[in-house]
Amino acid sequence: MKIDKVAGGHVPQTLLKQDSKPATAAPARQANDAATFNANTAALDKAQAELSTLPNVDMAKVEQVRNALANGELGLDVKALSQAVMRFHTGHE
C-alpha cells in the first residue's frame, strides 16, 4: 500500500482565526520538595547499583555478529522473530 501526501491539507497561517485576547502568563513552576528529590536520588542510586552488577558487553562478539550480518552469513528466521516480538509486546502470539 502506498500512502501519498494529501493535497490541500495546508492552511496558510494568515487564514487562521486568531483571538484578540492577550496571552496569559504561564503557571508558576512548583519547586520540588526535599522528599521528592531524595526519592528520585534513591531510585537512581538503586538503578546504578543494579547496572554495575550486570556483565560487560563483549564488543568482540558484537563485532562478529555485525560482520556476519553485513556479509549475509547470519540467517534470519522472520517467523520466529515476529513471534518473539508479538510475545514481548502482547504477552501472546
N, C-alpha and C. Protein backbone atom coordinates (compact mmCIF):
# COMPACT_ATOMS: atom_id res chain seq x y z
N MET A 1 0.85 -1.18 0.00
CA MET A 1 0.00 0.00 0.00
C MET A 1 0.89 1.23 0.00
N LYS A 2 0.58 2.14 -0.86
CA LYS A 2 1.35 3.38 -0.95
C LYS A 2 0.52 4.51 -0.37
N ILE A 3 1.14 5.31 0.46
CA ILE A 3 0.47 6.46 1.06
C ILE A 3 1.06 7.71 0.45
N ASP A 4 0.21 8.48 -0.19
CA ASP A 4 0.65 9.73 -0.82
C ASP A 4 0.29 10.90 0.08
N LYS A 5 1.03 11.96 -0.09
CA LYS A 5 0.76 13.19 0.66
C LYS A 5 -0.59 13.73 0.21
N VAL A 6 -1.41 14.11 1.15
CA VAL A 6 -2.74 14.63 0.84
C VAL A 6 -2.61 16.07 0.37
N ALA A 7 -3.17 16.35 -0.78
CA ALA A 7 -3.11 17.71 -1.31
C ALA A 7 -4.13 18.59 -0.62
N GLY A 8 -3.80 19.82 -0.42
CA GLY A 8 -4.75 20.78 0.15
C GLY A 8 -4.85 20.74 1.66
N GLY A 9 -3.96 20.02 2.32
CA GLY A 9 -4.03 19.91 3.76
C GLY A 9 -3.42 21.09 4.49
N HIS A 10 -2.72 21.92 3.79
CA HIS A 10 -2.03 23.04 4.42
C HIS A 10 -2.95 24.26 4.47
N VAL A 11 -3.05 24.86 5.63
CA VAL A 11 -3.85 26.07 5.80
C VAL A 11 -2.88 27.21 6.08
N PRO A 12 -2.84 28.21 5.22
CA PRO A 12 -1.94 29.33 5.47
C PRO A 12 -2.24 29.98 6.81
N GLN A 13 -1.21 30.40 7.49
CA GLN A 13 -1.37 30.99 8.81
C GLN A 13 -2.21 32.26 8.77
N THR A 14 -2.22 32.96 7.68
CA THR A 14 -2.99 34.20 7.60
C THR A 14 -4.48 33.95 7.61
N LEU A 15 -4.91 32.72 7.30
CA LEU A 15 -6.33 32.42 7.27
C LEU A 15 -6.85 31.85 8.59
N LEU A 16 -5.95 31.57 9.51
CA LEU A 16 -6.37 31.03 10.79
C LEU A 16 -7.02 32.12 11.64
N LYS A 17 -8.05 31.73 12.40
CA LYS A 17 -8.68 32.69 13.31
C LYS A 17 -7.74 32.94 14.47
N GLN A 18 -7.52 34.16 14.77
CA GLN A 18 -6.67 34.50 15.89
C GLN A 18 -7.47 35.33 16.87
N ASP A 19 -7.42 34.92 18.14
CA ASP A 19 -8.13 35.65 19.17
C ASP A 19 -7.40 36.94 19.48
N SER A 20 -8.16 37.95 19.83
CA SER A 20 -7.55 39.23 20.18
C SER A 20 -7.24 39.31 21.68
N LYS A 21 -7.45 38.19 22.40
CA LYS A 21 -7.17 38.17 23.84
C LYS A 21 -5.67 38.18 24.06
N PRO A 22 -5.23 38.88 25.08
CA PRO A 22 -3.79 38.86 25.38
C PRO A 22 -3.38 37.49 25.92
N ALA A 23 -2.15 37.13 25.68
CA ALA A 23 -1.64 35.86 26.17
C ALA A 23 -1.58 35.87 27.69
N THR A 24 -1.97 34.75 28.28
CA THR A 24 -1.92 34.65 29.74
C THR A 24 -0.55 34.15 30.16
N ALA A 25 -0.17 34.49 31.35
CA ALA A 25 1.13 34.08 31.86
C ALA A 25 1.12 32.59 32.16
N ALA A 26 2.25 31.94 31.97
CA ALA A 26 2.37 30.51 32.26
C ALA A 26 2.26 30.31 33.77
N PRO A 27 1.67 29.18 34.19
CA PRO A 27 1.58 28.93 35.62
C PRO A 27 2.96 28.82 36.24
N ALA A 28 3.07 29.27 37.46
CA ALA A 28 4.36 29.26 38.14
C ALA A 28 4.81 27.83 38.39
N ARG A 29 6.10 27.55 38.23
CA ARG A 29 6.64 26.23 38.48
C ARG A 29 6.71 25.99 39.97
N GLN A 30 6.29 24.81 40.36
CA GLN A 30 6.38 24.47 41.77
C GLN A 30 7.74 23.83 42.02
N ALA A 31 8.36 24.24 43.07
CA ALA A 31 9.65 23.67 43.42
C ALA A 31 9.47 22.28 43.99
N ASN A 32 10.37 21.36 43.61
CA ASN A 32 10.32 20.01 44.16
C ASN A 32 10.71 20.09 45.63
N ASP A 33 9.94 19.38 46.44
CA ASP A 33 10.31 19.38 47.85
C ASP A 33 11.43 18.36 48.08
N ALA A 34 12.02 18.41 49.24
CA ALA A 34 13.19 17.58 49.54
C ALA A 34 12.85 16.10 49.48
N ALA A 35 11.65 15.69 49.88
CA ALA A 35 11.28 14.28 49.89
C ALA A 35 11.25 13.72 48.47
N THR A 36 10.68 14.46 47.55
CA THR A 36 10.64 14.02 46.15
C THR A 36 12.04 13.92 45.60
N PHE A 37 12.85 14.89 45.89
CA PHE A 37 14.23 14.89 45.40
C PHE A 37 14.98 13.68 45.95
N ASN A 38 14.83 13.40 47.24
CA ASN A 38 15.51 12.26 47.85
C ASN A 38 15.02 10.94 47.27
N ALA A 39 13.71 10.83 46.97
CA ALA A 39 13.16 9.61 46.38
C ALA A 39 13.75 9.38 44.99
N ASN A 40 13.87 10.46 44.22
CA ASN A 40 14.45 10.33 42.88
C ASN A 40 15.92 9.94 42.97
N THR A 41 16.64 10.50 43.90
CA THR A 41 18.05 10.17 44.08
C THR A 41 18.21 8.72 44.51
N ALA A 42 17.35 8.27 45.40
CA ALA A 42 17.41 6.88 45.85
C ALA A 42 17.14 5.92 44.70
N ALA A 43 16.18 6.25 43.84
CA ALA A 43 15.87 5.40 42.69
C ALA A 43 17.05 5.34 41.72
N LEU A 44 17.69 6.47 41.50
CA LEU A 44 18.87 6.50 40.63
C LEU A 44 20.02 5.69 41.21
N ASP A 45 20.23 5.83 42.51
CA ASP A 45 21.30 5.08 43.17
C ASP A 45 21.06 3.57 43.05
N LYS A 46 19.80 3.15 43.23
CA LYS A 46 19.44 1.73 43.13
C LYS A 46 19.67 1.24 41.70
N ALA A 47 19.26 2.02 40.72
CA ALA A 47 19.43 1.62 39.32
C ALA A 47 20.90 1.51 38.96
N GLN A 48 21.72 2.43 39.45
CA GLN A 48 23.15 2.38 39.16
C GLN A 48 23.80 1.16 39.82
N ALA A 49 23.35 0.82 41.02
CA ALA A 49 23.89 -0.36 41.70
C ALA A 49 23.54 -1.63 40.94
N GLU A 50 22.30 -1.74 40.45
CA GLU A 50 21.89 -2.90 39.67
C GLU A 50 22.65 -2.96 38.35
N LEU A 51 22.87 -1.83 37.74
CA LEU A 51 23.60 -1.78 36.47
C LEU A 51 25.04 -2.22 36.64
N SER A 52 25.63 -1.88 37.77
CA SER A 52 27.03 -2.25 37.99
C SER A 52 27.20 -3.75 38.19
N THR A 53 26.13 -4.48 38.52
CA THR A 53 26.23 -5.93 38.70
C THR A 53 26.10 -6.69 37.38
N LEU A 54 25.65 -6.02 36.31
CA LEU A 54 25.50 -6.68 35.02
C LEU A 54 26.86 -6.91 34.38
N PRO A 55 26.97 -7.99 33.58
CA PRO A 55 28.26 -8.23 32.92
C PRO A 55 28.53 -7.19 31.84
N ASN A 56 29.80 -6.99 31.54
CA ASN A 56 30.18 -6.05 30.50
C ASN A 56 29.82 -6.62 29.13
N VAL A 57 29.65 -5.77 28.15
CA VAL A 57 29.33 -6.19 26.80
C VAL A 57 30.60 -6.69 26.13
N ASP A 58 30.52 -7.86 25.50
CA ASP A 58 31.65 -8.43 24.77
C ASP A 58 31.66 -7.81 23.38
N MET A 59 32.41 -6.72 23.22
CA MET A 59 32.41 -5.98 21.97
C MET A 59 32.99 -6.80 20.81
N ALA A 60 33.88 -7.75 21.09
CA ALA A 60 34.40 -8.62 20.03
C ALA A 60 33.27 -9.48 19.46
N LYS A 61 32.42 -9.98 20.34
CA LYS A 61 31.28 -10.79 19.90
C LYS A 61 30.29 -9.93 19.11
N VAL A 62 30.06 -8.71 19.57
CA VAL A 62 29.17 -7.79 18.86
C VAL A 62 29.70 -7.53 17.46
N GLU A 63 31.00 -7.33 17.34
CA GLU A 63 31.61 -7.08 16.03
C GLU A 63 31.50 -8.30 15.12
N GLN A 64 31.64 -9.51 15.69
CA GLN A 64 31.49 -10.73 14.90
C GLN A 64 30.07 -10.84 14.33
N VAL A 65 29.08 -10.59 15.16
CA VAL A 65 27.69 -10.67 14.72
C VAL A 65 27.42 -9.58 13.68
N ARG A 66 27.91 -8.39 13.92
CA ARG A 66 27.73 -7.28 12.97
C ARG A 66 28.32 -7.64 11.60
N ASN A 67 29.53 -8.20 11.60
CA ASN A 67 30.16 -8.60 10.33
C ASN A 67 29.40 -9.73 9.65
N ALA A 68 28.93 -10.70 10.43
CA ALA A 68 28.16 -11.81 9.86
C ALA A 68 26.88 -11.30 9.21
N LEU A 69 26.22 -10.34 9.85
CA LEU A 69 25.01 -9.75 9.27
C LEU A 69 25.34 -9.01 7.98
N ALA A 70 26.40 -8.25 8.00
CA ALA A 70 26.78 -7.46 6.83
C ALA A 70 27.18 -8.35 5.65
N ASN A 71 27.78 -9.51 5.95
CA ASN A 71 28.24 -10.41 4.90
C ASN A 71 27.18 -11.43 4.48
N GLY A 72 26.01 -11.38 5.09
CA GLY A 72 24.95 -12.32 4.75
C GLY A 72 25.20 -13.72 5.26
N GLU A 73 26.06 -13.87 6.26
CA GLU A 73 26.41 -15.17 6.81
C GLU A 73 25.47 -15.60 7.94
N LEU A 74 24.66 -14.70 8.40
CA LEU A 74 23.78 -14.99 9.52
C LEU A 74 22.35 -15.03 9.00
N GLY A 75 21.69 -16.18 9.17
CA GLY A 75 20.32 -16.33 8.70
C GLY A 75 19.35 -15.63 9.62
N LEU A 76 18.19 -15.31 9.09
CA LEU A 76 17.17 -14.63 9.87
C LEU A 76 15.86 -15.38 9.71
N ASP A 77 15.35 -15.91 10.79
CA ASP A 77 14.07 -16.60 10.78
C ASP A 77 13.00 -15.55 11.09
N VAL A 78 12.38 -15.05 10.04
CA VAL A 78 11.42 -13.95 10.18
C VAL A 78 10.22 -14.38 11.01
N LYS A 79 9.77 -15.61 10.84
CA LYS A 79 8.61 -16.10 11.60
C LYS A 79 8.93 -16.13 13.10
N ALA A 80 10.09 -16.66 13.46
CA ALA A 80 10.49 -16.71 14.87
C ALA A 80 10.64 -15.31 15.45
N LEU A 81 11.21 -14.41 14.66
CA LEU A 81 11.39 -13.02 15.11
C LEU A 81 10.03 -12.36 15.35
N SER A 82 9.11 -12.53 14.40
CA SER A 82 7.80 -11.89 14.56
C SER A 82 7.04 -12.47 15.74
N GLN A 83 7.16 -13.77 15.99
CA GLN A 83 6.52 -14.37 17.15
C GLN A 83 7.12 -13.84 18.45
N ALA A 84 8.43 -13.67 18.47
CA ALA A 84 9.09 -13.14 19.67
C ALA A 84 8.65 -11.71 19.94
N VAL A 85 8.52 -10.91 18.88
CA VAL A 85 8.06 -9.52 19.04
C VAL A 85 6.64 -9.50 19.57
N MET A 86 5.78 -10.36 19.03
CA MET A 86 4.39 -10.40 19.49
C MET A 86 4.31 -10.84 20.96
N ARG A 87 5.09 -11.85 21.33
CA ARG A 87 5.09 -12.30 22.74
C ARG A 87 5.57 -11.19 23.65
N PHE A 88 6.59 -10.47 23.24
CA PHE A 88 7.14 -9.40 24.06
C PHE A 88 6.13 -8.27 24.25
N HIS A 89 5.46 -7.86 23.18
CA HIS A 89 4.59 -6.70 23.26
C HIS A 89 3.17 -7.00 23.69
N THR A 90 2.71 -8.22 23.47
CA THR A 90 1.31 -8.53 23.80
C THR A 90 1.16 -9.62 24.84
N GLY A 91 2.20 -10.38 25.08
CA GLY A 91 2.10 -11.45 26.05
C GLY A 91 1.61 -12.76 25.43
N HIS A 92 1.29 -12.75 24.15
CA HIS A 92 0.86 -13.97 23.45
C HIS A 92 1.18 -13.85 21.97
N GLU A 93 1.05 -14.99 21.28
CA GLU A 93 1.36 -14.99 19.83
C GLU A 93 0.17 -14.55 19.03
